[in-house]
N, C-alpha and C. Protein backbone atom coordinates (compact mmCIF):
# COMPACT_ATOMS: atom_id res chain seq x y z
N UNK A 1 13.93 -29.24 -41.76
CA UNK A 1 12.69 -29.59 -41.08
C UNK A 1 12.61 -31.12 -40.95
N UNK A 2 12.35 -31.61 -39.74
CA UNK A 2 12.26 -33.05 -39.50
C UNK A 2 10.97 -33.60 -40.10
N UNK A 3 10.92 -34.93 -40.21
CA UNK A 3 9.71 -35.57 -40.74
C UNK A 3 8.51 -35.24 -39.88
N UNK A 4 8.70 -35.24 -38.55
CA UNK A 4 7.59 -34.95 -37.64
C UNK A 4 7.11 -33.51 -37.79
N UNK A 5 8.05 -32.56 -37.81
CA UNK A 5 7.66 -31.16 -37.93
C UNK A 5 7.02 -30.89 -39.29
N UNK A 6 7.50 -31.58 -40.34
CA UNK A 6 6.90 -31.42 -41.66
C UNK A 6 5.46 -31.93 -41.65
N UNK A 7 5.25 -33.04 -40.96
CA UNK A 7 3.91 -33.61 -40.86
C UNK A 7 2.98 -32.67 -40.09
N UNK A 8 3.49 -32.06 -39.02
CA UNK A 8 2.69 -31.11 -38.25
C UNK A 8 2.34 -29.88 -39.06
N UNK A 9 3.32 -29.41 -39.84
CA UNK A 9 3.10 -28.25 -40.68
C UNK A 9 2.02 -28.55 -41.72
N UNK A 10 2.09 -29.71 -42.34
CA UNK A 10 1.11 -30.09 -43.35
C UNK A 10 -0.28 -30.25 -42.73
N UNK A 11 -0.33 -30.80 -41.51
CA UNK A 11 -1.61 -30.95 -40.83
C UNK A 11 -2.22 -29.58 -40.53
N UNK A 12 -1.39 -28.66 -40.07
CA UNK A 12 -1.88 -27.32 -39.78
C UNK A 12 -2.41 -26.64 -41.05
N UNK A 13 -1.67 -26.79 -42.15
CA UNK A 13 -2.10 -26.20 -43.41
C UNK A 13 -3.44 -26.80 -43.85
N UNK A 14 -3.60 -28.10 -43.64
CA UNK A 14 -4.83 -28.77 -44.03
C UNK A 14 -6.02 -28.25 -43.21
N UNK A 15 -5.78 -27.99 -41.93
CA UNK A 15 -6.84 -27.45 -41.07
C UNK A 15 -7.23 -26.05 -41.52
N UNK A 16 -6.23 -25.21 -41.78
CA UNK A 16 -6.51 -23.83 -42.21
C UNK A 16 -7.26 -23.83 -43.54
N UNK A 17 -6.85 -24.70 -44.45
CA UNK A 17 -7.52 -24.78 -45.75
C UNK A 17 -8.97 -25.21 -45.58
N UNK A 18 -9.22 -26.17 -44.71
CA UNK A 18 -10.58 -26.63 -44.46
C UNK A 18 -11.43 -25.51 -43.87
N UNK A 19 -10.86 -24.76 -42.93
CA UNK A 19 -11.59 -23.64 -42.32
C UNK A 19 -11.92 -22.58 -43.37
N UNK A 20 -10.97 -22.27 -44.25
CA UNK A 20 -11.19 -21.27 -45.28
C UNK A 20 -12.29 -21.71 -46.25
N UNK A 21 -12.29 -22.99 -46.61
CA UNK A 21 -13.30 -23.51 -47.53
C UNK A 21 -14.70 -23.43 -46.92
N UNK A 22 -14.80 -23.74 -45.64
CA UNK A 22 -16.09 -23.66 -44.96
C UNK A 22 -16.57 -22.21 -44.85
N UNK A 23 -15.65 -21.31 -44.49
CA UNK A 23 -16.01 -19.90 -44.35
C UNK A 23 -16.42 -19.31 -45.70
N UNK A 24 -15.77 -19.76 -46.77
CA UNK A 24 -16.09 -19.25 -48.11
C UNK A 24 -17.50 -19.62 -48.53
N UNK A 25 -18.05 -20.68 -47.95
CA UNK A 25 -19.39 -21.13 -48.33
C UNK A 25 -20.47 -20.68 -47.35
N UNK A 26 -20.10 -20.51 -46.08
CA UNK A 26 -21.14 -20.18 -45.12
C UNK A 26 -20.75 -19.18 -44.05
N UNK A 27 -19.64 -18.46 -44.27
CA UNK A 27 -19.23 -17.47 -43.29
C UNK A 27 -18.62 -18.11 -42.05
N UNK A 28 -18.33 -17.28 -41.07
CA UNK A 28 -17.70 -17.76 -39.84
C UNK A 28 -18.61 -18.77 -39.13
N UNK A 29 -19.93 -18.61 -39.28
CA UNK A 29 -20.86 -19.52 -38.63
C UNK A 29 -20.63 -20.96 -39.08
N UNK A 30 -20.16 -21.14 -40.31
CA UNK A 30 -19.92 -22.49 -40.84
C UNK A 30 -18.62 -23.09 -40.33
N UNK A 31 -17.78 -22.27 -39.70
CA UNK A 31 -16.49 -22.75 -39.20
C UNK A 31 -16.64 -23.37 -37.81
N UNK A 32 -17.54 -24.33 -37.69
CA UNK A 32 -17.68 -25.04 -36.43
C UNK A 32 -16.47 -25.94 -36.24
N UNK A 33 -15.92 -25.98 -35.05
CA UNK A 33 -14.67 -26.69 -34.81
C UNK A 33 -14.78 -28.17 -35.20
N UNK A 34 -15.88 -28.81 -34.85
CA UNK A 34 -16.05 -30.22 -35.19
C UNK A 34 -16.10 -30.40 -36.70
N UNK A 35 -16.80 -29.49 -37.40
CA UNK A 35 -16.92 -29.58 -38.86
C UNK A 35 -15.57 -29.37 -39.52
N UNK A 36 -14.80 -28.41 -39.00
CA UNK A 36 -13.46 -28.16 -39.54
C UNK A 36 -12.59 -29.40 -39.36
N UNK A 37 -12.65 -30.01 -38.18
CA UNK A 37 -11.85 -31.20 -37.91
C UNK A 37 -12.22 -32.33 -38.87
N UNK A 38 -13.51 -32.54 -39.07
CA UNK A 38 -13.95 -33.60 -39.97
C UNK A 38 -13.48 -33.34 -41.40
N UNK A 39 -13.60 -32.10 -41.84
CA UNK A 39 -13.20 -31.77 -43.21
C UNK A 39 -11.68 -31.91 -43.39
N UNK A 40 -10.93 -31.58 -42.35
CA UNK A 40 -9.47 -31.65 -42.43
C UNK A 40 -8.95 -33.07 -42.18
N UNK A 41 -9.84 -33.96 -41.72
CA UNK A 41 -9.42 -35.32 -41.46
C UNK A 41 -8.55 -35.48 -40.22
N UNK A 42 -8.85 -34.67 -39.18
CA UNK A 42 -8.10 -34.76 -37.93
C UNK A 42 -9.08 -34.92 -36.77
N UNK A 43 -8.58 -35.42 -35.65
CA UNK A 43 -9.42 -35.53 -34.47
C UNK A 43 -9.70 -34.15 -33.90
N UNK A 44 -10.84 -34.02 -33.23
CA UNK A 44 -11.21 -32.72 -32.66
C UNK A 44 -10.16 -32.25 -31.66
N UNK A 45 -9.64 -33.18 -30.85
CA UNK A 45 -8.61 -32.81 -29.89
C UNK A 45 -7.36 -32.29 -30.56
N UNK A 46 -7.03 -32.87 -31.70
CA UNK A 46 -5.86 -32.40 -32.47
C UNK A 46 -6.08 -30.98 -32.96
N UNK A 47 -7.30 -30.72 -33.45
CA UNK A 47 -7.62 -29.37 -33.92
C UNK A 47 -7.44 -28.35 -32.80
N UNK A 48 -7.92 -28.68 -31.60
CA UNK A 48 -7.82 -27.74 -30.49
C UNK A 48 -6.38 -27.54 -30.02
N UNK A 49 -5.52 -28.51 -30.26
CA UNK A 49 -4.11 -28.32 -29.92
C UNK A 49 -3.47 -27.27 -30.83
N UNK A 50 -3.89 -27.24 -32.07
CA UNK A 50 -3.36 -26.26 -33.02
C UNK A 50 -4.06 -24.91 -32.89
N UNK A 51 -5.38 -24.95 -32.68
CA UNK A 51 -6.18 -23.72 -32.64
C UNK A 51 -7.18 -23.81 -31.48
N UNK A 52 -6.85 -23.19 -30.33
CA UNK A 52 -7.71 -23.29 -29.15
C UNK A 52 -9.11 -22.70 -29.32
N UNK A 53 -9.30 -21.80 -30.30
CA UNK A 53 -10.61 -21.18 -30.48
C UNK A 53 -10.86 -20.90 -31.96
N UNK A 54 -12.11 -20.57 -32.27
CA UNK A 54 -12.46 -20.24 -33.65
C UNK A 54 -11.73 -18.98 -34.11
N UNK A 55 -11.55 -18.02 -33.20
CA UNK A 55 -10.83 -16.80 -33.57
C UNK A 55 -9.40 -17.11 -34.00
N UNK A 56 -8.78 -18.08 -33.33
CA UNK A 56 -7.43 -18.48 -33.72
C UNK A 56 -7.42 -19.00 -35.16
N UNK A 57 -8.49 -19.70 -35.53
CA UNK A 57 -8.61 -20.20 -36.90
C UNK A 57 -8.78 -19.04 -37.88
N UNK A 58 -9.63 -18.09 -37.51
CA UNK A 58 -9.85 -16.92 -38.36
C UNK A 58 -8.53 -16.18 -38.59
N UNK A 59 -7.79 -15.98 -37.52
CA UNK A 59 -6.50 -15.29 -37.62
C UNK A 59 -5.55 -16.05 -38.53
N UNK A 60 -5.55 -17.38 -38.43
CA UNK A 60 -4.67 -18.19 -39.26
C UNK A 60 -5.03 -18.06 -40.73
N UNK A 61 -6.32 -18.05 -41.04
CA UNK A 61 -6.76 -17.91 -42.44
C UNK A 61 -6.36 -16.54 -42.97
N UNK A 62 -6.57 -15.50 -42.17
CA UNK A 62 -6.18 -14.15 -42.58
C UNK A 62 -4.67 -14.07 -42.79
N UNK A 63 -3.91 -14.67 -41.89
CA UNK A 63 -2.45 -14.65 -42.02
C UNK A 63 -2.01 -15.29 -43.32
N UNK A 64 -2.71 -16.34 -43.71
CA UNK A 64 -2.37 -16.99 -44.98
C UNK A 64 -2.65 -16.06 -46.15
N UNK A 65 -3.74 -15.30 -46.07
CA UNK A 65 -4.04 -14.33 -47.12
C UNK A 65 -2.95 -13.26 -47.21
N UNK A 66 -2.45 -12.82 -46.06
CA UNK A 66 -1.38 -11.83 -46.07
C UNK A 66 -0.10 -12.43 -46.63
N UNK A 67 0.15 -13.72 -46.31
CA UNK A 67 1.32 -14.40 -46.89
C UNK A 67 1.25 -14.37 -48.41
N UNK A 68 0.07 -14.64 -48.95
CA UNK A 68 -0.10 -14.63 -50.41
C UNK A 68 0.17 -13.23 -50.97
N UNK A 69 -0.31 -12.20 -50.24
CA UNK A 69 -0.08 -10.83 -50.68
C UNK A 69 1.41 -10.51 -50.67
N UNK A 70 2.10 -10.89 -49.59
CA UNK A 70 3.53 -10.62 -49.50
C UNK A 70 4.31 -11.35 -50.59
N UNK A 71 3.90 -12.58 -50.90
CA UNK A 71 4.55 -13.31 -51.98
C UNK A 71 4.34 -12.61 -53.31
N UNK A 72 3.14 -12.07 -53.50
CA UNK A 72 2.84 -11.32 -54.74
C UNK A 72 3.73 -10.10 -54.86
N UNK A 73 3.94 -9.42 -53.73
CA UNK A 73 4.75 -8.20 -53.75
C UNK A 73 6.22 -8.53 -53.99
N UNK A 74 6.67 -9.66 -53.43
CA UNK A 74 8.06 -10.06 -53.65
C UNK A 74 8.30 -10.41 -55.12
N UNK A 75 7.30 -11.03 -55.75
CA UNK A 75 7.44 -11.35 -57.17
C UNK A 75 7.35 -10.11 -58.04
N UNK A 76 6.47 -9.19 -57.63
CA UNK A 76 6.24 -7.99 -58.44
C UNK A 76 6.10 -6.77 -57.52
N UNK A 77 7.23 -6.20 -57.08
CA UNK A 77 7.18 -5.03 -56.19
C UNK A 77 6.48 -3.85 -56.86
N UNK A 78 5.80 -3.01 -56.08
CA UNK A 78 5.16 -1.83 -56.65
C UNK A 78 6.19 -0.90 -57.28
N UNK A 79 5.88 -0.40 -58.47
CA UNK A 79 6.83 0.42 -59.21
C UNK A 79 6.58 1.91 -59.09
N UNK A 80 5.50 2.30 -58.42
CA UNK A 80 5.17 3.72 -58.31
C UNK A 80 6.28 4.48 -57.59
N UNK A 81 6.40 5.75 -57.89
CA UNK A 81 7.51 6.55 -57.37
C UNK A 81 7.23 7.18 -56.01
N UNK A 82 5.97 7.28 -55.60
CA UNK A 82 5.66 7.96 -54.34
C UNK A 82 5.12 6.97 -53.32
N UNK A 83 5.32 7.25 -52.02
CA UNK A 83 4.80 6.37 -50.97
C UNK A 83 3.29 6.13 -51.05
N UNK A 84 2.47 7.18 -51.24
CA UNK A 84 1.02 6.93 -51.33
C UNK A 84 0.66 5.99 -52.48
N UNK A 85 1.28 6.17 -53.63
CA UNK A 85 0.96 5.34 -54.78
C UNK A 85 1.36 3.88 -54.55
N UNK A 86 2.49 3.66 -53.90
CA UNK A 86 2.91 2.29 -53.61
C UNK A 86 1.95 1.63 -52.61
N UNK A 87 1.51 2.40 -51.63
CA UNK A 87 0.56 1.86 -50.65
C UNK A 87 -0.77 1.50 -51.31
N UNK A 88 -1.25 2.37 -52.18
CA UNK A 88 -2.51 2.09 -52.89
C UNK A 88 -2.37 0.82 -53.72
N UNK A 89 -1.23 0.66 -54.36
CA UNK A 89 -0.99 -0.53 -55.18
C UNK A 89 -1.23 -1.80 -54.37
N UNK A 90 -0.59 -1.91 -53.19
CA UNK A 90 -0.71 -3.17 -52.46
C UNK A 90 -2.10 -3.33 -51.81
N UNK A 91 -2.72 -2.23 -51.39
CA UNK A 91 -4.04 -2.34 -50.79
C UNK A 91 -5.09 -2.76 -51.82
N UNK A 92 -4.96 -2.29 -53.05
CA UNK A 92 -5.90 -2.71 -54.08
C UNK A 92 -5.60 -4.14 -54.53
N UNK A 93 -4.35 -4.55 -54.49
CA UNK A 93 -4.04 -5.96 -54.75
C UNK A 93 -4.71 -6.84 -53.70
N UNK A 94 -4.60 -6.41 -52.44
CA UNK A 94 -5.22 -7.16 -51.35
C UNK A 94 -6.74 -7.22 -51.53
N UNK A 95 -7.32 -6.11 -51.96
CA UNK A 95 -8.77 -6.06 -52.19
C UNK A 95 -9.17 -7.06 -53.26
N UNK A 96 -8.44 -7.08 -54.37
CA UNK A 96 -8.77 -8.02 -55.45
C UNK A 96 -8.62 -9.46 -54.99
N UNK A 97 -7.57 -9.72 -54.21
CA UNK A 97 -7.36 -11.07 -53.71
C UNK A 97 -8.49 -11.55 -52.81
N UNK A 98 -8.89 -10.70 -51.87
CA UNK A 98 -9.96 -11.07 -50.95
C UNK A 98 -11.30 -11.20 -51.65
N UNK A 99 -11.55 -10.36 -52.64
CA UNK A 99 -12.85 -10.37 -53.31
C UNK A 99 -13.02 -11.56 -54.24
N UNK A 100 -11.95 -12.33 -54.44
CA UNK A 100 -12.13 -13.56 -55.21
C UNK A 100 -13.00 -14.56 -54.44
N UNK A 101 -13.02 -14.40 -53.10
CA UNK A 101 -13.87 -15.22 -52.23
C UNK A 101 -14.64 -14.28 -51.31
N UNK A 102 -15.67 -13.59 -51.83
CA UNK A 102 -16.35 -12.56 -51.03
C UNK A 102 -16.95 -13.06 -49.72
N UNK A 103 -17.50 -14.29 -49.71
CA UNK A 103 -18.06 -14.82 -48.47
C UNK A 103 -16.98 -14.98 -47.41
N UNK A 104 -15.85 -15.50 -47.84
CA UNK A 104 -14.72 -15.66 -46.92
C UNK A 104 -14.22 -14.31 -46.45
N UNK A 105 -14.05 -13.37 -47.38
CA UNK A 105 -13.56 -12.04 -47.03
C UNK A 105 -14.49 -11.37 -46.02
N UNK A 106 -15.79 -11.47 -46.25
CA UNK A 106 -16.76 -10.85 -45.34
C UNK A 106 -16.66 -11.47 -43.95
N UNK A 107 -16.55 -12.79 -43.92
CA UNK A 107 -16.46 -13.48 -42.62
C UNK A 107 -15.20 -13.06 -41.87
N UNK A 108 -14.10 -13.01 -42.57
CA UNK A 108 -12.83 -12.68 -41.92
C UNK A 108 -12.78 -11.24 -41.45
N UNK A 109 -13.15 -10.31 -42.33
CA UNK A 109 -13.07 -8.89 -41.96
C UNK A 109 -14.03 -8.57 -40.83
N UNK A 110 -15.26 -9.08 -40.91
CA UNK A 110 -16.22 -8.82 -39.83
C UNK A 110 -15.71 -9.37 -38.50
N UNK A 111 -15.18 -10.57 -38.54
CA UNK A 111 -14.70 -11.18 -37.31
C UNK A 111 -13.57 -10.38 -36.69
N UNK A 112 -12.66 -9.91 -37.54
CA UNK A 112 -11.50 -9.18 -37.03
C UNK A 112 -11.88 -7.79 -36.53
N UNK A 113 -12.80 -7.12 -37.23
CA UNK A 113 -13.23 -5.79 -36.80
C UNK A 113 -14.00 -5.86 -35.48
N UNK A 114 -14.83 -6.89 -35.34
CA UNK A 114 -15.69 -6.99 -34.17
C UNK A 114 -15.05 -7.73 -33.01
N UNK A 115 -13.91 -8.37 -33.25
CA UNK A 115 -13.26 -9.14 -32.20
C UNK A 115 -12.82 -8.24 -31.05
N UNK A 116 -12.94 -8.74 -29.85
CA UNK A 116 -12.55 -7.98 -28.66
C UNK A 116 -11.16 -8.36 -28.18
N UNK A 117 -10.46 -9.17 -28.97
CA UNK A 117 -9.09 -9.53 -28.62
C UNK A 117 -8.17 -9.03 -29.71
N UNK A 118 -6.92 -8.83 -29.35
CA UNK A 118 -5.96 -8.32 -30.31
C UNK A 118 -5.54 -9.42 -31.27
N UNK A 119 -5.49 -9.08 -32.56
CA UNK A 119 -5.04 -10.03 -33.57
C UNK A 119 -3.88 -9.39 -34.33
N UNK A 120 -3.05 -10.20 -35.01
CA UNK A 120 -1.88 -9.66 -35.71
C UNK A 120 -2.20 -9.06 -37.07
N UNK A 121 -3.47 -9.08 -37.49
CA UNK A 121 -3.81 -8.65 -38.84
C UNK A 121 -3.44 -7.19 -39.09
N UNK A 122 -3.91 -6.31 -38.21
CA UNK A 122 -3.63 -4.89 -38.38
C UNK A 122 -2.15 -4.59 -38.33
N UNK A 123 -1.44 -5.26 -37.43
CA UNK A 123 0.00 -5.03 -37.30
C UNK A 123 0.74 -5.49 -38.56
N UNK A 124 0.33 -6.64 -39.11
CA UNK A 124 1.00 -7.13 -40.31
C UNK A 124 0.74 -6.22 -41.51
N UNK A 125 -0.49 -5.73 -41.63
CA UNK A 125 -0.79 -4.82 -42.73
C UNK A 125 -0.04 -3.50 -42.55
N UNK A 126 0.05 -3.03 -41.30
CA UNK A 126 0.80 -1.81 -41.03
C UNK A 126 2.27 -2.00 -41.41
N UNK A 127 2.84 -3.13 -41.02
CA UNK A 127 4.23 -3.41 -41.37
C UNK A 127 4.45 -3.49 -42.87
N UNK A 128 3.51 -4.09 -43.57
CA UNK A 128 3.61 -4.20 -45.02
C UNK A 128 3.55 -2.82 -45.67
N UNK A 129 2.65 -1.98 -45.19
CA UNK A 129 2.54 -0.62 -45.74
C UNK A 129 3.82 0.17 -45.49
N UNK A 130 4.40 0.00 -44.32
CA UNK A 130 5.65 0.70 -44.03
C UNK A 130 6.77 0.25 -44.97
N UNK A 131 6.87 -1.05 -45.18
CA UNK A 131 7.95 -1.56 -46.02
C UNK A 131 7.86 -1.04 -47.46
N UNK A 132 6.66 -1.03 -48.01
CA UNK A 132 6.56 -0.64 -49.41
C UNK A 132 6.51 0.87 -49.61
N UNK A 133 6.01 1.59 -48.62
CA UNK A 133 5.86 3.03 -48.81
C UNK A 133 7.01 3.84 -48.23
N UNK A 134 7.66 3.30 -47.19
CA UNK A 134 8.72 4.05 -46.52
C UNK A 134 10.09 3.41 -46.73
N UNK A 135 10.31 2.92 -47.94
CA UNK A 135 11.63 2.45 -48.34
C UNK A 135 12.21 1.37 -47.44
N UNK A 136 11.43 0.31 -47.18
CA UNK A 136 11.93 -0.81 -46.41
C UNK A 136 11.89 -0.65 -44.90
N UNK A 137 11.25 0.40 -44.41
CA UNK A 137 11.17 0.64 -42.97
C UNK A 137 10.42 -0.50 -42.28
N UNK A 138 10.95 -0.96 -41.15
CA UNK A 138 10.30 -2.03 -40.39
C UNK A 138 9.52 -1.46 -39.22
N UNK A 139 8.69 -2.29 -38.62
CA UNK A 139 7.92 -1.86 -37.45
C UNK A 139 8.84 -1.41 -36.32
N UNK A 140 9.95 -2.11 -36.17
CA UNK A 140 10.90 -1.79 -35.09
C UNK A 140 11.62 -0.47 -35.34
N UNK A 141 11.85 -0.13 -36.59
CA UNK A 141 12.58 1.09 -36.94
C UNK A 141 11.68 2.32 -37.01
N UNK A 142 10.39 2.11 -37.19
CA UNK A 142 9.47 3.23 -37.42
C UNK A 142 9.25 4.06 -36.17
N UNK A 143 9.05 5.35 -36.37
CA UNK A 143 8.70 6.23 -35.26
C UNK A 143 7.23 6.01 -34.91
N UNK A 144 6.83 6.53 -33.77
CA UNK A 144 5.43 6.40 -33.35
C UNK A 144 4.50 7.05 -34.37
N UNK A 145 4.93 8.17 -34.91
CA UNK A 145 4.10 8.86 -35.91
C UNK A 145 3.96 8.03 -37.18
N UNK A 146 5.06 7.44 -37.62
CA UNK A 146 5.00 6.61 -38.83
C UNK A 146 4.09 5.40 -38.63
N UNK A 147 4.18 4.80 -37.44
CA UNK A 147 3.30 3.67 -37.13
C UNK A 147 1.84 4.10 -37.14
N UNK A 148 1.57 5.26 -36.57
CA UNK A 148 0.19 5.77 -36.54
C UNK A 148 -0.34 6.03 -37.94
N UNK A 149 0.50 6.61 -38.80
CA UNK A 149 0.06 6.93 -40.16
C UNK A 149 -0.25 5.67 -40.96
N UNK A 150 0.67 4.72 -40.94
CA UNK A 150 0.46 3.48 -41.68
C UNK A 150 -0.69 2.68 -41.08
N UNK A 151 -0.79 2.66 -39.75
CA UNK A 151 -1.88 1.94 -39.10
C UNK A 151 -3.23 2.56 -39.41
N UNK A 152 -3.29 3.87 -39.50
CA UNK A 152 -4.55 4.55 -39.82
C UNK A 152 -5.01 4.19 -41.23
N UNK A 153 -4.06 4.13 -42.16
CA UNK A 153 -4.42 3.78 -43.53
C UNK A 153 -4.91 2.33 -43.60
N UNK A 154 -4.26 1.43 -42.87
CA UNK A 154 -4.72 0.03 -42.83
C UNK A 154 -6.14 -0.05 -42.28
N UNK A 155 -6.45 0.75 -41.26
CA UNK A 155 -7.79 0.75 -40.68
C UNK A 155 -8.82 1.29 -41.66
N UNK A 156 -8.47 2.35 -42.38
CA UNK A 156 -9.37 2.90 -43.40
C UNK A 156 -9.68 1.83 -44.45
N UNK A 157 -8.64 1.13 -44.90
CA UNK A 157 -8.82 0.11 -45.92
C UNK A 157 -9.76 -1.00 -45.43
N UNK A 158 -9.57 -1.47 -44.20
CA UNK A 158 -10.42 -2.53 -43.68
C UNK A 158 -11.88 -2.09 -43.61
N UNK A 159 -12.11 -0.86 -43.17
CA UNK A 159 -13.48 -0.38 -43.07
C UNK A 159 -14.11 -0.20 -44.45
N UNK A 160 -13.34 0.30 -45.40
CA UNK A 160 -13.86 0.47 -46.76
C UNK A 160 -14.14 -0.88 -47.42
N UNK A 161 -13.28 -1.86 -47.15
CA UNK A 161 -13.51 -3.20 -47.69
C UNK A 161 -14.80 -3.78 -47.13
N UNK A 162 -15.04 -3.58 -45.85
CA UNK A 162 -16.28 -4.06 -45.25
C UNK A 162 -17.49 -3.40 -45.90
N UNK A 163 -17.40 -2.11 -46.18
CA UNK A 163 -18.49 -1.41 -46.86
C UNK A 163 -18.73 -1.98 -48.26
N UNK A 164 -17.66 -2.34 -48.94
CA UNK A 164 -17.79 -2.94 -50.27
C UNK A 164 -18.48 -4.30 -50.18
N UNK A 165 -18.11 -5.08 -49.18
CA UNK A 165 -18.72 -6.39 -49.00
C UNK A 165 -20.19 -6.29 -48.64
N UNK A 166 -20.57 -5.19 -48.03
CA UNK A 166 -21.99 -4.95 -47.70
C UNK A 166 -22.76 -4.35 -48.87
N UNK A 167 -22.08 -4.10 -49.98
CA UNK A 167 -22.73 -3.55 -51.16
C UNK A 167 -22.86 -2.04 -51.15
N UNK A 168 -22.13 -1.37 -50.27
CA UNK A 168 -22.24 0.09 -50.15
C UNK A 168 -21.13 0.83 -50.88
N UNK A 169 -20.16 0.11 -51.40
CA UNK A 169 -19.06 0.71 -52.14
C UNK A 169 -18.78 -0.13 -53.38
N UNK A 170 -18.37 0.53 -54.45
CA UNK A 170 -17.86 -0.18 -55.61
C UNK A 170 -16.34 -0.25 -55.50
N UNK A 171 -15.74 -1.06 -56.34
CA UNK A 171 -14.28 -1.16 -56.36
C UNK A 171 -13.67 0.20 -56.65
N UNK A 172 -14.22 0.92 -57.64
CA UNK A 172 -13.69 2.23 -58.01
C UNK A 172 -13.82 3.24 -56.87
N UNK A 173 -14.92 3.17 -56.13
CA UNK A 173 -15.09 4.07 -54.99
C UNK A 173 -14.07 3.79 -53.91
N UNK A 174 -13.83 2.51 -53.65
CA UNK A 174 -12.81 2.15 -52.65
C UNK A 174 -11.45 2.67 -53.08
N UNK A 175 -11.11 2.46 -54.34
CA UNK A 175 -9.80 2.91 -54.81
C UNK A 175 -9.66 4.42 -54.65
N UNK A 176 -10.70 5.16 -55.01
CA UNK A 176 -10.63 6.62 -54.89
C UNK A 176 -10.47 7.05 -53.43
N UNK A 177 -11.19 6.41 -52.54
CA UNK A 177 -11.10 6.76 -51.12
C UNK A 177 -9.73 6.38 -50.54
N UNK A 178 -9.22 5.22 -50.95
CA UNK A 178 -7.90 4.80 -50.48
C UNK A 178 -6.83 5.76 -51.01
N UNK A 179 -6.97 6.17 -52.26
CA UNK A 179 -6.01 7.12 -52.83
C UNK A 179 -6.03 8.44 -52.06
N UNK A 180 -7.23 8.90 -51.71
CA UNK A 180 -7.35 10.15 -50.96
C UNK A 180 -6.72 10.02 -49.57
N UNK A 181 -7.04 8.92 -48.88
CA UNK A 181 -6.50 8.70 -47.54
C UNK A 181 -4.98 8.57 -47.58
N UNK A 182 -4.48 7.81 -48.56
CA UNK A 182 -3.03 7.60 -48.66
C UNK A 182 -2.29 8.90 -48.95
N UNK A 183 -2.87 9.73 -49.81
CA UNK A 183 -2.20 10.99 -50.16
C UNK A 183 -2.09 11.91 -48.96
N UNK A 184 -3.06 11.86 -48.07
CA UNK A 184 -3.03 12.70 -46.87
C UNK A 184 -2.15 12.10 -45.77
N UNK A 185 -2.19 10.77 -45.63
CA UNK A 185 -1.50 10.13 -44.51
C UNK A 185 -0.03 9.83 -44.79
N UNK A 186 0.30 9.51 -46.04
CA UNK A 186 1.65 8.99 -46.31
C UNK A 186 2.53 9.89 -47.17
N UNK A 187 2.07 11.08 -47.47
CA UNK A 187 2.85 11.94 -48.36
C UNK A 187 4.22 12.28 -47.80
N UNK A 188 4.37 12.27 -46.47
CA UNK A 188 5.66 12.61 -45.88
C UNK A 188 6.32 11.48 -45.13
N UNK A 189 5.90 10.23 -45.42
CA UNK A 189 6.39 9.11 -44.62
C UNK A 189 7.70 8.54 -45.14
N UNK A 190 8.15 8.95 -46.31
CA UNK A 190 9.31 8.33 -46.95
C UNK A 190 10.55 8.39 -46.07
N UNK A 191 11.23 7.25 -46.01
CA UNK A 191 12.43 7.14 -45.20
C UNK A 191 13.58 7.92 -45.84
N UNK A 192 14.42 8.49 -45.01
CA UNK A 192 15.56 9.26 -45.51
C UNK A 192 16.62 8.32 -46.08
N UNK A 193 17.48 8.87 -46.91
CA UNK A 193 18.58 8.08 -47.47
C UNK A 193 19.59 7.77 -46.38
N UNK A 194 20.38 6.70 -46.60
CA UNK A 194 21.41 6.36 -45.62
C UNK A 194 22.60 7.30 -45.79
N UNK A 195 23.56 7.27 -44.87
CA UNK A 195 24.68 8.20 -44.91
C UNK A 195 25.47 8.18 -46.20
N UNK A 196 25.47 7.05 -46.90
CA UNK A 196 26.24 6.98 -48.15
C UNK A 196 25.53 7.68 -49.28
N UNK A 197 24.25 8.05 -49.02
CA UNK A 197 23.52 8.78 -50.05
C UNK A 197 22.66 7.89 -50.93
N UNK A 198 22.72 6.57 -50.74
CA UNK A 198 21.91 5.69 -51.57
C UNK A 198 20.50 5.62 -51.02
N UNK A 199 19.55 5.43 -51.89
CA UNK A 199 18.15 5.38 -51.49
C UNK A 199 17.84 4.03 -50.85
N UNK A 200 17.10 4.05 -49.77
CA UNK A 200 16.73 2.81 -49.07
C UNK A 200 15.36 2.36 -49.54
N UNK A 201 15.26 1.93 -50.77
CA UNK A 201 14.00 1.47 -51.34
C UNK A 201 13.66 0.08 -50.86
N UNK A 202 12.36 -0.23 -50.85
CA UNK A 202 11.92 -1.55 -50.44
C UNK A 202 12.41 -2.60 -51.43
N UNK A 203 12.91 -3.69 -50.87
CA UNK A 203 13.30 -4.83 -51.70
C UNK A 203 12.73 -6.08 -51.09
N UNK A 204 12.50 -7.13 -51.87
CA UNK A 204 11.95 -8.37 -51.33
C UNK A 204 12.82 -8.91 -50.21
N UNK A 205 12.17 -9.57 -49.23
CA UNK A 205 12.91 -10.14 -48.11
C UNK A 205 13.64 -11.40 -48.55
């Protein structure tokens, strides 16, 4: 990475961090572009070059949360023996991570659920569920049915998390509902062994 690209990367990280800090204190409403720029120490025009809209900022903050989740999984892969149990493991890890900053989590989830534009959040969560539950299966390798199953579970989790943030669910209730959904959706999603007979289990990238 060149000095210039490293500087750009650090500037982008600083902007995302500033946006997350503001959202954690006042929700998406607090993520005013000018305020984010001031907090990050960049010009407003610079901010718009990196993130043309507030939704782009929201997506970037969410992507960083998923990065943290993936890093956690790489350090400590789920040890459960069945696809549903492995999926529940990572979804509850994600829940605990997001709930450390409930204001931020509420702002992000509400924005993504209500957004009228496509964001990569659902696709990334679907891909993560496939990798851990279907023995390393990727989005490109998955069948349409497998994509639908993993995507449906990701959608259930997002909706249940929103209910928890609204005070309508407890952590234990979410876990029970996720376990029920996973057992129905992913019980048959496991990837077949390769021709040599070895199991294609998920491994860190």
